[in-house]
Amino acid sequence: MEINLSSLEAKVEQVVSFCERLRQENLALRERVARLEQEKEDLAGRMTVARERLETMMEKLPAE
């Protein structure tokens, strides 16, 4: 019975350790997603500004 309890205790510790690693990985992935979403938003804004500048420049070109 003592051996079974020790074995069970070891397995529970492994599961707890595994869950903690998964929790840390999940947090890191959520942070990465947040950074990438912000980068995407920044790039979309820069593209909008560039498009508006090009449209303004095109309007100033003489008509053919």
N, C-alpha and C. Protein backbone atom coordinates (compact mmCIF):
# COMPACT_ATOMS: atom_id res chain seq x y z
N MET A 1 0.82 -1.19 0.00
CA MET A 1 0.00 0.00 0.00
C MET A 1 0.87 1.26 0.00
N GLU A 2 1.97 1.20 0.75
CA GLU A 2 2.90 2.33 0.82
C GLU A 2 3.48 2.64 -0.56
N ILE A 3 3.81 1.59 -1.32
CA ILE A 3 4.38 1.77 -2.66
C ILE A 3 3.34 2.40 -3.58
N ASN A 4 2.10 1.97 -3.48
CA ASN A 4 1.05 2.53 -4.32
C ASN A 4 0.84 4.01 -4.02
N LEU A 5 0.87 4.38 -2.76
CA LEU A 5 0.70 5.79 -2.39
C LEU A 5 1.88 6.62 -2.89
N SER A 6 3.07 6.10 -2.78
CA SER A 6 4.26 6.82 -3.28
C SER A 6 4.18 6.98 -4.79
N SER A 7 3.76 5.93 -5.46
CA SER A 7 3.62 5.99 -6.91
C SER A 7 2.56 7.00 -7.31
N LEU A 8 1.45 6.97 -6.61
CA LEU A 8 0.37 7.92 -6.88
C LEU A 8 0.83 9.35 -6.62
N GLU A 9 1.54 9.55 -5.53
CA GLU A 9 2.05 10.88 -5.20
C GLU A 9 2.99 11.39 -6.30
N ALA A 10 3.85 10.52 -6.79
CA ALA A 10 4.77 10.91 -7.85
C ALA A 10 4.01 11.29 -9.12
N LYS A 11 2.99 10.51 -9.43
CA LYS A 11 2.20 10.81 -10.64
C LYS A 11 1.44 12.12 -10.49
N VAL A 12 0.90 12.37 -9.32
CA VAL A 12 0.20 13.64 -9.08
C VAL A 12 1.16 14.81 -9.23
N GLU A 13 2.36 14.67 -8.71
CA GLU A 13 3.36 15.73 -8.84
C GLU A 13 3.71 15.97 -10.30
N GLN A 14 3.79 14.90 -11.09
CA GLN A 14 4.06 15.05 -12.52
C GLN A 14 2.93 15.80 -13.21
N VAL A 15 1.71 15.46 -12.86
CA VAL A 15 0.56 16.13 -13.47
C VAL A 15 0.54 17.61 -13.08
N VAL A 16 0.81 17.91 -11.83
CA VAL A 16 0.84 19.30 -11.37
C VAL A 16 1.93 20.06 -12.10
N SER A 17 3.09 19.46 -12.23
CA SER A 17 4.20 20.09 -12.94
C SER A 17 3.85 20.33 -14.41
N PHE A 18 3.24 19.34 -15.03
CA PHE A 18 2.83 19.46 -16.43
C PHE A 18 1.80 20.58 -16.59
N CYS A 19 0.84 20.64 -15.69
CA CYS A 19 -0.18 21.70 -15.75
C CYS A 19 0.45 23.08 -15.61
N GLU A 20 1.42 23.20 -14.73
CA GLU A 20 2.10 24.49 -14.55
C GLU A 20 2.85 24.89 -15.82
N ARG A 21 3.53 23.93 -16.43
CA ARG A 21 4.22 24.23 -17.69
C ARG A 21 3.23 24.66 -18.77
N LEU A 22 2.11 23.98 -18.85
CA LEU A 22 1.08 24.36 -19.83
C LEU A 22 0.52 25.75 -19.54
N ARG A 23 0.33 26.06 -18.26
CA ARG A 23 -0.17 27.38 -17.88
C ARG A 23 0.82 28.47 -18.30
N GLN A 24 2.10 28.23 -18.07
CA GLN A 24 3.13 29.20 -18.46
C GLN A 24 3.19 29.35 -19.98
N GLU A 25 3.12 28.23 -20.68
CA GLU A 25 3.14 28.28 -22.15
C GLU A 25 1.91 29.02 -22.68
N ASN A 26 0.76 28.77 -22.08
CA ASN A 26 -0.46 29.45 -22.49
C ASN A 26 -0.34 30.95 -22.29
N LEU A 27 0.20 31.36 -21.16
CA LEU A 27 0.39 32.79 -20.89
C LEU A 27 1.33 33.41 -21.93
N ALA A 28 2.43 32.72 -22.22
CA ALA A 28 3.38 33.23 -23.20
C ALA A 28 2.73 33.35 -24.58
N LEU A 29 1.92 32.38 -24.94
CA LEU A 29 1.24 32.43 -26.23
C LEU A 29 0.21 33.56 -26.29
N ARG A 30 -0.49 33.77 -25.19
CA ARG A 30 -1.46 34.88 -25.15
C ARG A 30 -0.76 36.22 -25.29
N GLU A 31 0.39 36.36 -24.65
CA GLU A 31 1.16 37.60 -24.76
C GLU A 31 1.65 37.80 -26.19
N ARG A 32 2.09 36.72 -26.81
CA ARG A 32 2.56 36.80 -28.20
C ARG A 32 1.42 37.19 -29.13
N VAL A 33 0.26 36.60 -28.94
CA VAL A 33 -0.90 36.95 -29.75
C VAL A 33 -1.25 38.42 -29.59
N ALA A 34 -1.22 38.92 -28.37
CA ALA A 34 -1.52 40.32 -28.12
C ALA A 34 -0.53 41.23 -28.83
N ARG A 35 0.76 40.88 -28.77
CA ARG A 35 1.79 41.68 -29.47
C ARG A 35 1.56 41.65 -30.97
N LEU A 36 1.27 40.47 -31.51
CA LEU A 36 1.05 40.36 -32.95
C LEU A 36 -0.21 41.10 -33.40
N GLU A 37 -1.26 41.08 -32.58
CA GLU A 37 -2.46 41.83 -32.91
C GLU A 37 -2.18 43.32 -32.92
N GLN A 38 -1.38 43.79 -31.98
CA GLN A 38 -1.01 45.21 -31.95
C GLN A 38 -0.18 45.57 -33.17
N GLU A 39 0.76 44.70 -33.51
CA GLU A 39 1.59 44.94 -34.70
C GLU A 39 0.72 44.99 -35.96
N LYS A 40 -0.23 44.09 -36.05
CA LYS A 40 -1.14 44.06 -37.19
C LYS A 40 -1.93 45.37 -37.27
N GLU A 41 -2.42 45.85 -36.13
CA GLU A 41 -3.17 47.10 -36.10
C GLU A 41 -2.29 48.27 -36.52
N ASP A 42 -1.05 48.29 -36.04
CA ASP A 42 -0.11 49.36 -36.42
C ASP A 42 0.16 49.34 -37.92
N LEU A 43 0.39 48.16 -38.47
CA LEU A 43 0.66 48.04 -39.90
C LEU A 43 -0.56 48.45 -40.74
N ALA A 44 -1.75 48.09 -40.28
CA ALA A 44 -2.96 48.49 -40.99
C ALA A 44 -3.08 50.01 -41.01
N GLY A 45 -2.76 50.65 -39.90
CA GLY A 45 -2.80 52.11 -39.83
C GLY A 45 -1.79 52.74 -40.77
N ARG A 46 -0.61 52.17 -40.81
CA ARG A 46 0.43 52.70 -41.72
C ARG A 46 0.02 52.52 -43.17
N MET A 47 -0.63 51.40 -43.48
CA MET A 47 -1.09 51.18 -44.85
C MET A 47 -2.19 52.18 -45.23
N THR A 48 -3.05 52.49 -44.28
CA THR A 48 -4.11 53.48 -44.55
C THR A 48 -3.49 54.84 -44.84
N VAL A 49 -2.53 55.24 -44.04
CA VAL A 49 -1.86 56.53 -44.25
C VAL A 49 -1.17 56.54 -45.62
N ALA A 50 -0.48 55.47 -45.97
CA ALA A 50 0.22 55.39 -47.25
C ALA A 50 -0.79 55.46 -48.41
N ARG A 51 -1.91 54.75 -48.29
CA ARG A 51 -2.93 54.78 -49.34
C ARG A 51 -3.48 56.19 -49.51
N GLU A 52 -3.76 56.87 -48.40
CA GLU A 52 -4.29 58.23 -48.46
C GLU A 52 -3.29 59.18 -49.11
N ARG A 53 -2.02 59.01 -48.80
CA ARG A 53 -0.98 59.86 -49.41
C ARG A 53 -0.89 59.61 -50.91
N LEU A 54 -0.96 58.34 -51.31
CA LEU A 54 -0.92 58.02 -52.74
C LEU A 54 -2.13 58.58 -53.47
N GLU A 55 -3.30 58.48 -52.85
CA GLU A 55 -4.50 59.01 -53.47
C GLU A 55 -4.40 60.53 -53.64
N THR A 56 -3.85 61.19 -52.64
CA THR A 56 -3.66 62.64 -52.71
C THR A 56 -2.69 63.00 -53.82
N MET A 57 -1.60 62.26 -53.93
CA MET A 57 -0.61 62.50 -54.99
C MET A 57 -1.22 62.26 -56.36
N MET A 58 -2.02 61.21 -56.48
CA MET A 58 -2.65 60.90 -57.77
C MET A 58 -3.63 62.00 -58.19
N GLU A 59 -4.32 62.58 -57.23
CA GLU A 59 -5.27 63.66 -57.53
C GLU A 59 -4.53 64.89 -58.07
N LYS A 60 -3.29 65.08 -57.67
CA LYS A 60 -2.51 66.25 -58.09
C LYS A 60 -1.86 66.05 -59.47
N LEU A 61 -1.85 64.82 -59.95
CA LEU A 61 -1.27 64.56 -61.27
C LEU A 61 -2.15 65.18 -62.34
N PRO A 62 -1.52 65.72 -63.38
CA PRO A 62 -2.33 66.31 -64.46
C PRO A 62 -3.13 65.22 -65.18
N ALA A 63 -4.32 65.59 -65.62
CA ALA A 63 -5.16 64.64 -66.35
C ALA A 63 -4.62 64.48 -67.76
N GLU A 64 -4.76 63.32 -68.31
CA GLU A 64 -4.27 63.08 -69.67
C GLU A 64 -5.29 63.46 -70.70
